[in-house]
Amino acid sequence: MRQASTSLQEFDAVVVGTGIGGATIGFALARSGWRVAFCERGMGRGPSTIVGDYPEQARAAAPYAAAGDDRLSRAGRWTTSIDDASDTDVRSFVPFIGCGVGGSSALYGMAMERFAPADFEPRLGQTVRHAGRPAGAGWPIGFDTLQPFYDQAERLYRVRGTADPLRADRPQLLTPPALSSAAAGLASALSARGLHPYQLPAAAEFVEDCRSCQGYLCANACKNDSWRVALEPAMREHGAVLMDECEVISIRSSGRKVQALECIRRGRRLALHGRVVILAAGALSTPALLLRSASADWPAGLANGSGLVGRNLMRHLIDLYPVKVPEPQDFDNRRKELAFNDFYVHQGVKLGTVQSFGRLPPPALILRDLHEGLAARGRGWARPLLGLAAPLLRAHLERLVSTRLTLASIVEDSADPQNRVELAAGDTQRLAIRYRMADDDRHRVRLMRNLVRGALGQMSHGFIASAEDNQRIAHVCGTCRFGDDPRHSVLDINCRAHEVENLYIVDASFFPTSAGTNPSLTIAANALRVAAALTGHTQLADSAAES
């Protein structure tokens, strides 16, 4: 395994970001013989890495607290605040996303599911009623184009699960472990109500005592994140190099070509040169980097002739339903086990999936978020009241965390050019978002809530509304969408910038719609598709997945 020195500056491809998109395409290119460098803003894995628990609670973090609180960075988490400028009252928050090797996949709950064929319908509103879609919002490729790469991505990430009985396409997945008795009971109850639950596809090995590790780094060889299945093998087996703690400050360009990446690594400036530059820093950071790279040739930001860089921000509209089920002696709610898609398209209206959420965060973290949320919304006066109610609230949260199976509804949100990522006012090194739910989105969220409550019937359940919360941006996408018309998209059909001949983007920025389920598998499949286009070797991903 090689860490890059600053003297290694000439590569066939420089990949910015090591999440699902970046690590997957970098692995595929390195395996084909390309000289690949990965540039990662966050930290690599080492002795000080915090694994196996939330960094706010991890015992391993305690000895370091007195020397400065770097726990988030050592746990692969984003560390800096961004502004929510959606209203006149600007609020700041630290998003719960990854920053380190593996990106957000190092924190994910391992759900890796295909988008539905309906998600790829050109101009979706022609076949499914969904108001408010801007021009050029459909996918320029169909489901059939991505299907072979879905097959390859599922093999690469060793996805286990069962097929959705409502879908015609049946992926050949690895066999999952048996459902826990609690999840099996919930599945039986849902089936009895006419629904069609199945075992949610998950990129996991499910080793003995697997804890799922949703929200924090896995302590076992269990979670198949992009670090484990793509980045580390690319380095170990195919000569790729990793520059961790390396932040790209700007992209230097000349006309229609990227010349170099201007970086700071551990206090030292350097320039990285790649025949091809691939951005995969996430749908927040990728457009921000392009906007920061404005020049005489690109006064509105690199590759931004359309004016759409940063626009069409989507984040999914997610609500939670803690469900009380009979508690067997072996009750365990850590795994994401179930899903059902009976409401994915309901009476011609596009909604989304319902699936296991896994275990809720510890009560202390939930209470902290409540305190910070009140302060951010100018309601600091209510914090003493929350303090008085904390013992009762903590006890209630303990019950939810330890005795409920939580379901999450994921509703597709609309692409709206006014929803966007931008550089913060007065500080171009900070990010800001603007996001307001469209009336149509609010209607569909209400519809999904009614449908889920009806599906749960007489089962005792709670409800945690988060669809309206702009801080829930784990599935952020759409900010550099691809398409076949340069007037209405940033990227072409192969995710190359329309106006920059050697610049590609393969994180979720390229999505023209958010679809109604988790984005990870689609990001991975598309990365393999783009790698095949770059190398001209369509079987590359097949051989890679078998290694």
Protein backbone atom coordinates (compact mmCIF):
# COMPACT_ATOMS: atom_id res chain seq x y z
CA MET A 1 0.00 0.00 0.00
CA ARG A 2 1.41 3.38 -0.99
CA GLN A 3 0.85 6.78 0.49
CA ALA A 4 1.78 9.47 -2.03
CA SER A 5 4.61 11.89 -1.49
CA THR A 6 4.33 15.44 -2.83
CA SER A 7 6.94 14.61 -5.47
CA LEU A 8 4.47 12.24 -7.18
CA GLN A 9 2.50 14.76 -9.21
CA GLU A 10 1.95 13.28 -12.69
CA PHE A 11 -0.94 10.83 -13.14
CA ASP A 12 -3.30 9.47 -15.73
CA ALA A 13 -6.19 10.32 -13.41
CA VAL A 14 -6.47 12.34 -10.23
CA VAL A 15 -9.62 11.47 -8.29
CA VAL A 16 -10.84 14.02 -5.73
CA GLY A 17 -12.77 12.20 -3.00
CA THR A 18 -12.75 8.56 -1.92
CA GLY A 19 -16.43 7.85 -1.33
CA ILE A 20 -18.48 5.43 -3.42
CA GLY A 21 -18.04 7.34 -6.69
CA GLY A 22 -14.37 8.26 -6.40
CA ALA A 23 -13.01 5.04 -4.94
CA THR A 24 -15.01 2.86 -7.34
CA ILE A 25 -13.91 4.64 -10.52
CA GLY A 26 -10.34 4.93 -9.26
CA PHE A 27 -10.19 1.20 -8.58
CA ALA A 28 -11.58 0.36 -12.02
CA LEU A 29 -9.08 2.69 -13.74
CA ALA A 30 -6.10 1.50 -11.68
CA ARG A 31 -6.93 -2.11 -12.43
CA SER A 32 -6.92 -1.28 -16.14
CA GLY A 33 -3.37 0.04 -15.87
CA TRP A 34 -3.95 3.75 -15.31
CA ARG A 35 -1.73 5.64 -12.89
CA VAL A 36 -4.25 6.88 -10.33
CA ALA A 37 -3.91 9.29 -7.42
CA PHE A 38 -6.67 9.71 -4.85
CA CYS A 39 -6.91 13.10 -3.17
CA GLU A 40 -8.84 12.96 0.12
CA ARG A 41 -9.54 15.96 2.32
CA GLY A 42 -10.08 13.83 5.41
CA MET A 43 -7.87 11.41 7.26
CA GLY A 44 -6.71 7.93 6.34
CA ARG A 45 -7.02 4.95 8.67
CA GLY A 46 -4.41 4.63 11.40
CA PRO A 47 -3.81 3.94 15.11
CA SER A 48 -5.73 7.06 16.19
CA THR A 49 -8.82 6.27 14.08
CA ILE A 50 -11.98 5.97 16.17
CA VAL A 51 -13.97 2.86 15.27
CA GLY A 52 -16.87 0.92 16.71
CA ASP A 53 -18.85 3.79 18.24
CA TYR A 54 -19.97 7.36 17.73
CA PRO A 55 -16.94 9.61 18.35
CA GLU A 56 -18.98 11.69 20.79
CA GLN A 57 -19.22 8.59 23.01
CA ALA A 58 -16.22 6.47 22.10
CA ARG A 59 -14.02 5.64 25.07
CA ALA A 60 -10.99 5.66 22.81
CA ALA A 61 -11.54 9.38 22.27
CA ALA A 62 -11.33 10.36 25.92
CA PRO A 63 -7.52 10.58 26.23
CA TYR A 64 -7.38 13.01 23.33
CA ALA A 65 -10.07 15.43 24.41
CA ALA A 66 -7.76 17.55 26.54
CA ALA A 67 -5.40 18.13 23.61
CA GLY A 68 -8.10 19.52 21.35
CA ASP A 69 -11.27 17.86 20.14
CA ASP A 70 -10.41 16.24 16.82
CA ARG A 71 -12.72 13.30 17.40
CA LEU A 72 -14.93 13.96 14.39
CA SER A 73 -12.03 14.01 11.95
CA ARG A 74 -10.53 10.85 13.48
CA ALA A 75 -13.92 9.17 13.09
CA GLY A 76 -14.27 9.99 9.39
CA ARG A 77 -16.81 12.77 9.91
CA TRP A 78 -17.22 16.20 8.36
CA THR A 79 -15.98 18.82 10.83
CA THR A 80 -16.90 22.31 9.59
CA SER A 81 -20.23 24.09 9.74
CA ILE A 82 -22.20 25.15 6.69
CA ASP A 83 -24.89 27.82 6.48
CA ASP A 84 -28.54 27.17 5.77
CA ALA A 85 -29.45 30.42 4.02
CA SER A 86 -32.89 29.24 2.92
CA ASP A 87 -34.56 31.96 5.02
CA THR A 88 -33.57 35.43 6.14
CA ASP A 89 -32.43 33.91 9.44
CA VAL A 90 -29.23 32.10 8.42
CA ARG A 91 -28.51 29.02 10.53
CA SER A 92 -25.23 27.12 10.77
CA PHE A 93 -24.85 23.40 11.34
CA VAL A 94 -22.31 20.60 10.91
CA PRO A 95 -23.77 18.04 8.49
CA PHE A 96 -23.65 14.37 9.42
CA ILE A 97 -21.67 13.22 6.37
CA GLY A 98 -18.33 11.52 5.82
CA CYS A 99 -14.95 13.15 5.41
CA GLY A 100 -12.09 10.66 5.27
CA VAL A 101 -11.22 7.52 3.35
CA GLY A 102 -14.46 5.91 2.23
CA GLY A 103 -16.36 9.20 2.41
CA SER A 104 -19.93 8.84 3.61
CA SER A 105 -19.91 5.13 2.78
CA ALA A 106 -17.69 4.65 5.84
CA LEU A 107 -20.68 5.78 7.92
CA TYR A 108 -23.59 4.38 5.93
CA GLY A 109 -26.00 1.66 6.97
CA MET A 110 -24.89 -0.39 3.92
CA ALA A 111 -28.23 -0.27 2.05
CA MET A 112 -27.41 -0.64 -1.66
CA GLU A 113 -30.48 -0.89 -3.83
CA ARG A 114 -31.16 -0.22 -7.49
CA PHE A 115 -33.29 2.66 -8.62
CA ALA A 116 -36.57 1.56 -10.20
CA PRO A 117 -37.02 1.53 -13.98
CA ALA A 118 -39.62 4.31 -13.59
CA ASP A 119 -36.90 6.55 -12.15
CA PHE A 120 -35.15 6.62 -15.52
CA GLU A 121 -38.17 7.56 -17.60
CA PRO A 122 -37.24 10.59 -19.70
CA ARG A 123 -39.08 13.65 -18.42
CA LEU A 124 -40.62 11.59 -15.65
CA GLY A 125 -43.78 13.68 -15.56
CA GLN A 126 -44.83 12.26 -18.94
CA THR A 127 -45.57 8.88 -17.39
CA VAL A 128 -45.88 9.63 -13.67
CA ARG A 129 -47.56 12.78 -12.39
CA HIS A 130 -44.95 14.88 -10.64
CA ALA A 131 -45.31 18.63 -11.02
CA GLY A 132 -42.60 21.23 -11.11
CA ARG A 133 -39.88 19.48 -13.10
CA PRO A 134 -37.61 21.96 -14.89
CA ALA A 135 -36.48 21.55 -18.48
CA GLY A 136 -33.97 18.78 -19.02
CA ALA A 137 -34.70 17.09 -15.70
CA GLY A 138 -34.95 13.51 -16.97
CA TRP A 139 -32.21 10.91 -17.12
CA PRO A 140 -30.38 10.85 -20.48
CA ILE A 141 -29.85 7.10 -20.07
CA GLY A 142 -32.38 4.37 -19.40
CA PHE A 143 -32.47 1.65 -16.79
CA ASP A 144 -31.27 -0.87 -19.40
CA THR A 145 -28.06 1.13 -19.89
CA LEU A 146 -27.22 1.00 -16.19
CA GLN A 147 -28.46 -2.52 -15.46
CA PRO A 148 -25.22 -4.40 -16.37
CA PHE A 149 -23.26 -1.98 -14.22
CA TYR A 150 -25.71 -2.53 -11.38
CA ASP A 151 -24.87 -6.24 -11.71
CA GLN A 152 -21.16 -5.47 -11.51
CA ALA A 153 -21.49 -3.03 -8.60
CA GLU A 154 -23.50 -5.57 -6.61
CA ARG A 155 -20.73 -8.12 -7.08
CA LEU A 156 -17.97 -5.64 -6.26
CA TYR A 157 -19.67 -4.51 -3.04
CA ARG A 158 -20.81 -8.07 -2.21
CA VAL A 159 -24.44 -7.07 -1.74
CA ARG A 160 -26.70 -9.48 0.15
CA GLY A 161 -30.48 -9.41 0.10
CA THR A 162 -33.60 -10.73 -1.61
CA ALA A 163 -35.48 -9.46 -4.63
CA ASP A 164 -38.35 -7.01 -4.37
CA PRO A 165 -41.41 -9.11 -5.33
CA LEU A 166 -42.96 -6.07 -7.05
CA ARG A 167 -40.03 -5.65 -9.48
CA ALA A 168 -39.56 -7.51 -12.76
CA ASP A 169 -35.75 -7.28 -12.63
CA ARG A 170 -34.30 -9.79 -10.17
CA PRO A 171 -30.66 -9.12 -9.24
CA GLN A 172 -28.46 -12.10 -8.38
CA LEU A 173 -27.50 -11.11 -4.85
CA LEU A 174 -25.55 -13.03 -2.24
CA THR A 175 -27.65 -14.81 0.37
CA PRO A 176 -28.40 -12.63 3.41
CA PRO A 177 -28.53 -13.92 6.98
CA ALA A 178 -31.93 -14.91 8.30
CA LEU A 179 -34.13 -12.11 9.55
CA SER A 180 -33.97 -11.44 13.25
CA SER A 181 -37.06 -12.72 15.04
CA ALA A 182 -38.32 -9.18 15.61
CA ALA A 183 -37.89 -8.22 11.94
CA ALA A 184 -39.49 -11.50 10.86
CA GLY A 185 -42.50 -10.68 13.05
CA LEU A 186 -42.77 -7.21 11.51
CA ALA A 187 -42.46 -8.67 8.00
CA SER A 188 -45.26 -11.14 8.76
CA ALA A 189 -47.50 -8.36 10.05
CA LEU A 190 -46.86 -6.23 6.97
CA SER A 191 -47.56 -9.18 4.65
CA ALA A 192 -50.81 -9.84 6.46
CA ARG A 193 -51.86 -6.31 5.56
CA GLY A 194 -51.25 -6.98 1.86
CA LEU A 195 -47.80 -5.42 1.59
CA HIS A 196 -44.73 -6.99 -0.01
CA PRO A 197 -41.70 -6.79 2.32
CA TYR A 198 -38.33 -8.25 1.36
CA GLN A 199 -34.81 -8.29 2.78
CA LEU A 200 -33.14 -4.99 2.02
CA PRO A 201 -29.95 -5.42 -0.08
CA ALA A 202 -26.94 -4.57 2.09
CA ALA A 203 -23.20 -4.36 1.37
CA ALA A 204 -22.09 -6.33 4.42
CA GLU A 205 -20.30 -9.53 5.33
CA PHE A 206 -22.38 -9.96 8.50
CA VAL A 207 -19.50 -11.38 10.50
CA GLU A 208 -20.13 -12.79 13.96
CA ASP A 209 -21.40 -10.07 16.31
CA CYS A 210 -21.94 -7.66 13.40
CA ARG A 211 -23.24 -4.40 14.87
CA SER A 212 -23.99 -2.74 11.50
CA CYS A 213 -22.07 0.36 12.68
CA GLN A 214 -24.48 2.84 11.12
CA GLY A 215 -23.17 6.34 11.73
CA TYR A 216 -19.62 5.37 12.65
CA LEU A 217 -16.61 3.45 11.37
CA CYS A 218 -16.78 -0.33 11.41
CA ALA A 219 -14.43 -2.08 13.83
CA ASN A 220 -14.64 -5.43 12.02
CA ALA A 221 -14.06 -6.66 8.46
CA CYS A 222 -17.79 -6.41 7.90
CA LYS A 223 -18.95 -3.14 6.33
CA ASN A 224 -18.26 -3.14 2.60
CA ASP A 225 -17.61 0.54 2.22
CA SER A 226 -15.62 2.06 -0.63
CA TRP A 227 -12.42 2.07 1.46
CA ARG A 228 -12.57 -1.67 1.99
CA VAL A 229 -13.71 -2.90 -1.43
CA ALA A 230 -12.21 -0.32 -3.79
CA LEU A 231 -9.70 2.18 -2.39
CA GLU A 232 -7.51 -0.12 -0.34
CA PRO A 233 -7.34 -2.81 -3.10
CA ALA A 234 -6.51 -0.13 -5.69
CA MET A 235 -3.54 0.90 -3.57
CA ARG A 236 -2.43 -2.57 -2.50
CA GLU A 237 -2.84 -4.41 -5.78
CA HIS A 238 -2.76 -1.84 -8.57
CA GLY A 239 -0.28 0.86 -7.59
CA ALA A 240 -2.70 3.69 -6.86
CA VAL A 241 -1.54 6.30 -4.38
CA LEU A 242 -3.48 8.12 -1.68
CA MET A 243 -2.95 11.69 -0.56
CA ASP A 244 -5.01 12.00 2.60
CA GLU A 245 -5.41 15.25 4.55
CA CYS A 246 -5.08 16.94 1.16
CA GLU A 247 -7.60 19.68 0.43
CA VAL A 248 -8.10 20.91 -3.11
CA ILE A 249 -8.32 24.70 -2.91
CA SER A 250 -9.03 25.39 -6.58
CA ILE A 251 -8.79 23.94 -10.06
CA ARG A 252 -6.44 25.72 -12.45
CA SER A 253 -7.68 25.68 -16.04
CA SER A 254 -6.88 27.12 -19.42
CA GLY A 255 -9.72 27.39 -21.87
CA ARG A 256 -11.42 24.01 -22.15
CA LYS A 257 -8.88 22.00 -20.19
CA VAL A 258 -7.92 21.49 -16.54
CA GLN A 259 -4.23 22.13 -15.99
CA ALA A 260 -3.74 21.31 -12.31
CA LEU A 261 -5.32 20.96 -8.89
CA GLU A 262 -4.05 23.48 -6.36
CA CYS A 263 -3.90 21.73 -3.00
CA ILE A 264 -2.77 22.10 0.59
CA ARG A 265 -1.56 18.95 2.27
CA ARG A 266 -0.56 19.11 5.93
CA GLY A 267 0.35 22.77 5.60
CA ARG A 268 2.28 22.43 2.36
CA ARG A 269 1.07 23.70 -1.02
CA LEU A 270 1.32 21.46 -4.05
CA ALA A 271 -0.08 21.12 -7.56
CA LEU A 272 -1.40 17.81 -8.88
CA HIS A 273 -1.51 17.12 -12.59
CA GLY A 274 -3.70 14.49 -14.21
CA ARG A 275 -4.46 13.70 -17.82
CA VAL A 276 -8.01 13.31 -16.52
CA VAL A 277 -9.43 14.95 -13.38
CA ILE A 278 -12.39 13.26 -11.69
CA LEU A 279 -14.37 15.06 -9.00
CA ALA A 280 -16.14 12.91 -6.42
CA ALA A 281 -16.02 15.08 -3.32
CA GLY A 282 -19.77 14.90 -2.78
CA ALA A 283 -22.70 16.93 -4.03
CA LEU A 284 -21.90 19.76 -1.59
CA SER A 285 -18.14 20.05 -2.05
CA THR A 286 -17.87 19.29 -5.77
CA PRO A 287 -19.96 22.26 -6.96
CA ALA A 288 -18.35 24.50 -4.35
CA LEU A 289 -14.92 23.62 -5.73
CA LEU A 290 -16.04 24.52 -9.25
CA LEU A 291 -17.47 27.82 -8.03
CA ARG A 292 -14.21 28.62 -6.21
CA SER A 293 -12.30 27.94 -9.42
CA ALA A 294 -13.64 30.97 -11.26
CA SER A 295 -11.19 32.59 -13.67
CA ALA A 296 -11.08 34.96 -16.62
CA ASP A 297 -12.21 32.07 -18.83
CA TRP A 298 -14.83 30.97 -16.32
CA PRO A 299 -16.10 34.05 -14.43
CA ALA A 300 -19.14 32.20 -12.99
CA GLY A 301 -17.12 29.13 -11.96
CA LEU A 302 -15.38 26.35 -13.84
CA ALA A 303 -17.61 24.42 -16.28
CA ASN A 304 -20.51 26.71 -15.38
CA GLY A 305 -21.54 28.03 -18.77
CA SER A 306 -25.06 26.76 -18.10
CA GLY A 307 -25.24 28.54 -14.75
CA LEU A 308 -26.38 25.27 -13.16
CA VAL A 309 -23.32 24.37 -11.08
CA GLY A 310 -24.61 24.05 -7.52
CA ARG A 311 -28.26 24.24 -8.54
CA ASN A 312 -31.03 21.60 -8.39
CA LEU A 313 -30.00 20.50 -4.90
CA MET A 314 -31.99 17.48 -3.70
CA ARG A 315 -31.66 15.65 -0.37
CA HIS A 316 -34.58 13.16 -0.02
CA LEU A 317 -37.52 13.73 2.30
CA ILE A 318 -37.20 11.22 5.13
CA ASP A 319 -39.45 10.48 8.12
CA LEU A 320 -39.00 7.85 10.85
CA TYR A 321 -41.52 5.47 12.44
CA PRO A 322 -40.37 3.59 15.58
CA VAL A 323 -42.58 0.48 15.67
CA LYS A 324 -43.24 -1.61 18.78
CA VAL A 325 -43.01 -5.34 18.06
CA PRO A 326 -43.02 -8.34 20.40
CA GLU A 327 -39.58 -8.33 22.01
CA PRO A 328 -37.86 -11.70 21.82
CA GLN A 329 -34.93 -12.44 24.08
CA ASP A 330 -32.54 -11.87 21.20
CA PHE A 331 -34.05 -8.48 20.20
CA ASP A 332 -31.62 -6.54 18.02
CA ASN A 333 -32.57 -3.48 15.99
CA ARG A 334 -29.15 -2.50 14.65
CA ARG A 335 -29.46 -3.99 11.16
CA LYS A 336 -31.31 -2.54 8.21
CA GLU A 337 -33.29 -5.67 7.36
CA LEU A 338 -36.58 -4.90 5.62
CA ALA A 339 -38.01 -2.79 2.83
CA PHE A 340 -41.22 -2.56 0.85
CA ASN A 341 -42.08 -0.56 -2.26
CA ASP A 342 -45.87 -0.76 -2.36
CA PHE A 343 -46.00 3.06 -2.36
CA TYR A 344 -43.06 3.75 -4.69
CA VAL A 345 -45.58 4.98 -7.26
CA HIS A 346 -49.04 5.36 -5.74
CA GLN A 347 -51.96 5.96 -8.08
CA GLY A 348 -49.72 7.69 -10.58
CA VAL A 349 -47.91 9.80 -7.96
CA LYS A 350 -44.20 9.19 -7.44
CA LEU A 351 -43.31 8.71 -3.75
CA GLY A 352 -40.52 6.31 -2.74
CA THR A 353 -39.52 3.40 -0.53
CA VAL A 354 -40.05 2.36 3.08
CA GLN A 355 -37.19 0.51 4.76
CA SER A 356 -35.52 -0.33 8.04
CA PHE A 357 -33.58 2.59 9.50
CA GLY A 358 -31.47 0.62 11.93
CA ARG A 359 -30.93 1.73 15.51
CA LEU A 360 -31.57 5.36 16.34
CA PRO A 361 -28.59 7.37 17.63
CA PRO A 362 -27.97 7.38 21.41
CA PRO A 363 -30.36 9.61 23.41
CA ALA A 364 -27.51 11.95 24.39
CA LEU A 365 -26.85 12.73 20.72
CA ILE A 366 -30.55 13.24 19.98
CA LEU A 367 -30.89 15.64 22.92
CA ARG A 368 -27.80 17.52 21.81
CA ASP A 369 -29.29 17.92 18.34
CA LEU A 370 -32.51 19.23 19.88
CA HIS A 371 -30.59 21.83 21.89
CA GLU A 372 -28.57 22.92 18.86
CA GLY A 373 -31.65 23.00 16.67
CA LEU A 374 -33.45 25.32 19.09
CA ALA A 375 -30.49 27.65 19.20
CA ALA A 376 -30.10 27.64 15.41
CA ARG A 377 -33.78 28.56 15.00
CA GLY A 378 -33.58 31.48 17.40
CA ARG A 379 -35.48 29.62 20.10
CA GLY A 380 -32.82 29.59 22.76
CA TRP A 381 -35.48 30.63 25.29
CA ALA A 382 -36.89 27.09 25.06
CA ARG A 383 -33.64 25.37 26.00
CA PRO A 384 -34.19 25.68 29.80
CA LEU A 385 -37.62 24.06 29.34
CA LEU A 386 -35.99 21.26 27.40
CA GLY A 387 -33.50 20.91 30.25
CA LEU A 388 -36.30 20.52 32.78
CA ALA A 389 -37.97 17.88 30.62
CA ALA A 390 -34.69 16.11 29.83
CA PRO A 391 -35.02 13.23 32.35
CA LEU A 392 -38.46 12.21 31.03
CA LEU A 393 -37.44 12.79 27.44
CA ARG A 394 -34.25 10.78 27.91
CA ALA A 395 -36.22 7.86 29.32
CA HIS A 396 -38.62 8.01 26.36
CA LEU A 397 -35.72 8.12 23.90
CA GLU A 398 -34.07 5.16 25.62
CA ARG A 399 -37.22 3.13 24.99
CA LEU A 400 -37.29 4.16 21.35
CA VAL A 401 -33.61 3.36 20.84
CA SER A 402 -33.58 0.02 22.63
CA THR A 403 -37.05 -1.47 22.13
CA ARG A 404 -38.33 -0.31 18.71
CA LEU A 405 -37.72 -1.34 15.12
CA THR A 406 -37.58 1.93 13.22
CA LEU A 407 -38.83 2.27 9.66
CA ALA A 408 -37.84 5.16 7.38
CA SER A 409 -39.92 6.50 4.51
CA ILE A 410 -37.82 8.02 1.71
CA VAL A 411 -39.72 10.35 -0.62
CA GLU A 412 -38.19 11.69 -3.82
CA ASP A 413 -37.85 15.47 -3.85
CA SER A 414 -38.06 17.70 -6.93
CA ALA A 415 -35.18 19.22 -8.83
CA ASP A 416 -35.57 22.99 -8.44
CA PRO A 417 -32.90 25.41 -9.75
CA GLN A 418 -33.57 27.70 -6.80
CA ASN A 419 -32.47 24.97 -4.38
CA ARG A 420 -28.70 25.11 -4.47
CA VAL A 421 -25.23 24.97 -2.96
CA GLU A 422 -23.28 28.20 -3.03
CA LEU A 423 -20.29 29.86 -1.40
CA ALA A 424 -21.14 31.51 1.91
CA ALA A 425 -21.54 35.28 1.90
CA GLY A 426 -18.28 36.94 2.89
CA ASP A 427 -16.30 33.69 3.13
CA THR A 428 -15.76 31.67 -0.03
CA GLN A 429 -14.16 28.84 1.93
CA ARG A 430 -17.48 28.10 3.64
CA LEU A 431 -20.52 26.46 2.06
CA ALA A 432 -24.13 27.56 2.16
CA ILE A 433 -27.30 25.82 1.03
CA ARG A 434 -30.68 27.16 0.01
CA TYR A 435 -33.49 24.61 0.03
CA ARG A 436 -37.24 25.01 0.21
CA MET A 437 -39.73 22.22 -0.28
CA ALA A 438 -42.07 22.71 -3.21
CA ASP A 439 -45.82 22.54 -2.59
CA ASP A 440 -45.94 19.34 -4.64
CA ASP A 441 -43.25 17.80 -2.44
CA ARG A 442 -45.16 18.73 0.71
CA HIS A 443 -48.28 17.11 -0.71
CA ARG A 444 -46.42 13.90 -1.50
CA VAL A 445 -44.81 13.79 1.96
CA ARG A 446 -48.25 14.09 3.56
CA LEU A 447 -49.54 11.34 1.27
CA MET A 448 -46.65 9.03 2.21
CA ARG A 449 -47.19 9.70 5.92
CA ASN A 450 -50.86 8.73 5.63
CA LEU A 451 -50.00 5.60 3.65
CA VAL A 452 -47.34 4.42 6.11
CA ARG A 453 -49.58 5.03 9.11
CA GLY A 454 -52.31 3.08 7.37
CA ALA A 455 -49.89 0.26 6.57
CA LEU A 456 -48.87 -0.02 10.22
CA GLY A 457 -52.52 -0.32 11.20
CA GLN A 458 -52.98 -1.24 14.85
CA MET A 459 -49.27 -1.73 15.48
CA SER A 460 -48.10 0.70 18.15
CA HIS A 461 -45.71 3.18 16.55
CA GLY A 462 -44.27 6.63 16.92
CA PHE A 463 -43.45 9.29 14.38
CA ILE A 464 -40.33 11.45 13.99
CA ALA A 465 -40.79 14.11 11.31
CA SER A 466 -37.56 15.05 9.58
CA ALA A 467 -38.61 15.59 5.95
CA GLU A 468 -38.76 19.35 6.54
CA ASP A 469 -35.37 19.49 8.30
CA ASN A 470 -32.70 20.92 6.01
CA GLN A 471 -29.94 19.54 8.23
CA ARG A 472 -30.82 16.00 7.08
CA ILE A 473 -28.74 15.99 3.90
CA ALA A 474 -27.09 12.58 3.97
CA HIS A 475 -28.52 11.83 0.50
CA VAL A 476 -27.67 15.19 -1.08
CA CYS A 477 -27.49 15.04 -4.89
CA GLY A 478 -28.18 16.80 -8.18
CA THR A 479 -25.90 19.84 -8.03
CA CYS A 480 -24.01 19.15 -11.31
CA ARG A 481 -26.55 17.08 -13.19
CA PHE A 482 -25.86 15.27 -16.42
CA GLY A 483 -27.89 15.44 -19.62
CA ASP A 484 -27.79 15.64 -23.38
CA ASP A 485 -28.32 19.40 -23.63
CA PRO A 486 -25.53 21.77 -22.45
CA ARG A 487 -28.11 24.48 -21.82
CA HIS A 488 -29.86 22.39 -19.16
CA SER A 489 -27.05 20.31 -17.66
CA VAL A 490 -23.45 20.55 -16.48
CA LEU A 491 -22.26 17.12 -17.65
CA ASP A 492 -22.72 15.04 -20.78
CA ILE A 493 -24.02 11.49 -20.94
CA ASN A 494 -20.63 10.10 -19.76
CA CYS A 495 -20.41 12.60 -16.86
CA ARG A 496 -17.77 14.72 -18.58
CA ALA A 497 -18.23 18.47 -18.22
CA HIS A 498 -19.81 19.74 -21.45
CA GLU A 499 -17.29 22.56 -21.69
CA VAL A 500 -14.11 21.06 -20.16
CA GLU A 501 -12.64 18.15 -22.09
CA ASN A 502 -10.77 16.37 -19.27
CA LEU A 503 -13.07 17.00 -16.27
CA TYR A 504 -15.50 14.34 -14.99
CA ILE A 505 -17.86 14.17 -11.99
CA VAL A 506 -19.00 10.82 -10.56
CA ASP A 507 -20.48 11.51 -7.12
CA ALA A 508 -24.22 12.07 -6.63
CA SER A 509 -23.88 15.56 -8.11
CA PHE A 510 -24.65 14.05 -11.53
CA PHE A 511 -28.19 12.89 -10.59
CA PRO A 512 -30.93 14.71 -12.54
CA THR A 513 -33.54 13.31 -10.11
CA SER A 514 -33.11 11.90 -6.63
CA ALA A 515 -35.32 8.83 -7.21
CA GLY A 516 -36.96 7.24 -4.18
CA THR A 517 -34.33 5.08 -2.54
CA ASN A 518 -30.72 5.10 -1.34
CA PRO A 519 -28.22 6.51 -3.89
CA SER A 520 -25.09 4.44 -3.14
CA LEU A 521 -25.53 1.57 -5.60
CA THR A 522 -26.44 3.92 -8.45
CA ILE A 523 -23.34 6.02 -7.73
CA ALA A 524 -21.18 2.88 -7.83
CA ALA A 525 -22.79 1.53 -11.00
CA ASN A 526 -22.40 4.84 -12.79
CA ALA A 527 -18.75 5.10 -11.72
CA LEU A 528 -18.11 1.71 -13.34
CA ARG A 529 -19.98 2.86 -16.45
CA VAL A 530 -17.85 6.01 -16.73
CA ALA A 531 -14.66 4.00 -16.15
CA ALA A 532 -15.67 1.71 -19.02
CA ALA A 533 -16.23 4.75 -21.25
CA LEU A 534 -12.82 6.17 -20.34
CA THR A 535 -10.93 2.94 -20.95
CA GLY A 536 -13.04 1.57 -23.78
CA HIS A 537 -13.09 -1.69 -21.85
CA THR A 538 -16.69 -2.60 -21.05
CA GLN A 539 -15.68 -5.80 -19.25
CA LEU A 540 -13.37 -3.96 -16.88
CA ALA A 541 -15.83 -3.95 -14.01
CA ASP A 542 -16.61 -7.66 -14.42
CA SER A 543 -12.98 -8.65 -13.96
CA ALA A 544 -12.57 -6.10 -11.18
CA ALA A 545 -15.49 -7.51 -9.25
CA GLU A 546 -14.02 -10.99 -9.37
CA SER A 547 -10.66 -9.97 -7.87
